[in-house]
Amino acid sequence: MSKREIDPITGFPMHMVDPGYEVAGPVAATLEKQPRYQDAKGEDWIDEFARTATADEFRGAMRFTIGKYNRRAGKKDALISEIRKMRDYCQRWEDYELALRGDQ
């Protein structure tokens, strides 16, 4: 992907930021962790919070964040971008719950 295809403000691919942007080929269904949000171990704030928060705190944070993206869907960023963000949070929440049950 060339530098012109990356939004300089968000760091996301342009097809995720601009709904009118045409992209050739398949589009990734999941979000990659942005390096600027990662620590030396490659973890971001969500990973750290999952380790340090109580289960109720983590569930509340996930519920709030997913709701935020749902409420603003298509108003701030491109609709597909918002859907992918919700999917990312939902997947992380599911992984957390499975880990609590010992299914992971």
Protein backbone atom coordinates (compact mmCIF):
# COMPACT_ATOMS: atom_id res chain seq x y z
CA MET A 1 0.00 0.00 0.00
CA SER A 2 1.47 3.36 -0.96
CA LYS A 3 1.69 6.32 1.43
CA ARG A 4 -1.13 7.97 -0.49
CA GLU A 5 -3.44 5.15 0.54
CA ILE A 6 -2.92 5.72 4.29
CA ASP A 7 -4.76 8.54 6.04
CA PRO A 8 -2.04 10.70 7.65
CA ILE A 9 -4.25 11.65 10.63
CA THR A 10 -5.69 8.29 11.70
CA GLY A 11 -3.12 5.93 10.19
CA PHE A 12 -5.97 3.83 8.83
CA PRO A 13 -6.20 2.81 5.19
CA MET A 14 -8.12 5.41 3.18
CA HIS A 15 -10.91 2.97 2.30
CA MET A 16 -11.74 2.83 6.02
CA VAL A 17 -11.75 6.60 6.46
CA ASP A 18 -13.32 7.86 3.25
CA PRO A 19 -16.44 6.00 2.12
CA GLY A 20 -15.88 7.27 -1.44
CA TYR A 21 -12.35 5.91 -1.67
CA GLU A 22 -12.01 3.05 -4.14
CA VAL A 23 -9.80 0.17 -3.13
CA ALA A 24 -8.56 -2.58 -5.40
CA GLY A 25 -8.55 -6.13 -4.08
CA PRO A 26 -9.85 -7.60 -0.82
CA VAL A 27 -10.21 -5.45 2.28
CA ALA A 28 -9.05 -6.76 5.65
CA ALA A 29 -11.94 -7.62 7.93
CA THR A 30 -10.09 -6.96 11.19
CA LEU A 31 -8.16 -4.03 12.56
CA GLU A 32 -4.45 -4.19 13.24
CA LYS A 33 -3.20 -2.70 16.48
CA GLN A 34 -1.62 0.65 15.68
CA PRO A 35 2.08 0.67 16.72
CA ARG A 36 1.70 4.07 18.37
CA TYR A 37 -0.73 2.52 20.88
CA GLN A 38 1.47 -0.48 21.72
CA ASP A 39 3.95 -0.94 24.54
CA ALA A 40 7.23 -2.83 24.28
CA LYS A 41 5.34 -6.15 24.53
CA GLY A 42 3.03 -5.25 21.64
CA GLU A 43 0.04 -4.76 23.94
CA ASP A 44 -2.31 -1.80 23.81
CA TRP A 45 -4.47 -0.21 26.51
CA ILE A 46 -7.29 -2.71 25.99
CA ASP A 47 -4.90 -5.63 26.62
CA GLU A 48 -3.60 -3.96 29.79
CA PHE A 49 -7.09 -3.09 31.00
CA ALA A 50 -8.26 -6.67 30.42
CA ARG A 51 -5.44 -7.84 32.72
CA THR A 52 -5.88 -5.24 35.45
CA ALA A 53 -9.61 -4.42 35.60
CA THR A 54 -12.28 -6.47 37.31
CA ALA A 55 -14.55 -8.48 35.03
CA ASP A 56 -17.39 -6.00 35.61
CA GLU A 57 -15.14 -3.03 34.82
CA PHE A 58 -13.93 -4.62 31.59
CA ARG A 59 -17.46 -5.61 30.53
CA GLY A 60 -18.69 -2.09 31.21
CA ALA A 61 -15.87 -0.57 29.19
CA MET A 62 -16.58 -2.87 26.25
CA ARG A 63 -20.32 -2.25 26.43
CA PHE A 64 -19.77 1.52 26.52
CA THR A 65 -17.24 1.57 23.68
CA ILE A 66 -19.27 -0.66 21.38
CA GLY A 67 -22.32 1.50 22.11
CA LYS A 68 -20.36 4.65 21.28
CA TYR A 69 -19.34 3.34 17.87
CA ASN A 70 -22.85 2.06 17.23
CA ARG A 71 -24.43 5.40 18.08
CA ARG A 72 -22.11 7.43 15.86
CA ALA A 73 -21.94 4.86 13.02
CA GLY A 74 -21.28 6.68 9.78
CA LYS A 75 -21.30 10.12 11.37
CA LYS A 76 -17.64 10.53 12.37
CA ASP A 77 -15.81 7.96 10.28
CA ALA A 78 -16.89 5.85 7.34
CA LEU A 79 -19.63 3.36 8.27
CA ILE A 80 -17.48 0.34 7.43
CA SER A 81 -14.70 1.74 9.63
CA GLU A 82 -17.10 2.05 12.57
CA ILE A 83 -18.45 -1.46 12.00
CA ARG A 84 -14.91 -2.84 12.00
CA LYS A 85 -14.13 -1.03 15.23
CA MET A 86 -17.22 -2.55 16.83
CA ARG A 87 -16.21 -5.98 15.53
CA ASP A 88 -12.74 -5.55 17.01
CA TYR A 89 -14.15 -4.65 20.45
CA CYS A 90 -16.69 -7.48 20.26
CA GLN A 91 -13.95 -9.96 19.38
CA ARG A 92 -11.73 -8.77 22.20
CA TRP A 93 -14.68 -9.03 24.63
CA GLU A 94 -15.48 -12.54 23.41
CA ASP A 95 -11.82 -13.57 23.78
CA TYR A 96 -11.82 -12.14 27.31
CA GLU A 97 -14.95 -14.06 28.30
CA LEU A 98 -13.61 -17.29 26.80
CA ALA A 99 -10.34 -16.84 28.70
CA LEU A 100 -12.28 -16.36 31.95
CA ARG A 101 -14.09 -19.64 31.32
CA GLY A 102 -10.85 -21.34 30.38
CA ASP A 103 -11.99 -21.99 26.79
CA GLN A 104 -9.02 -20.30 25.18
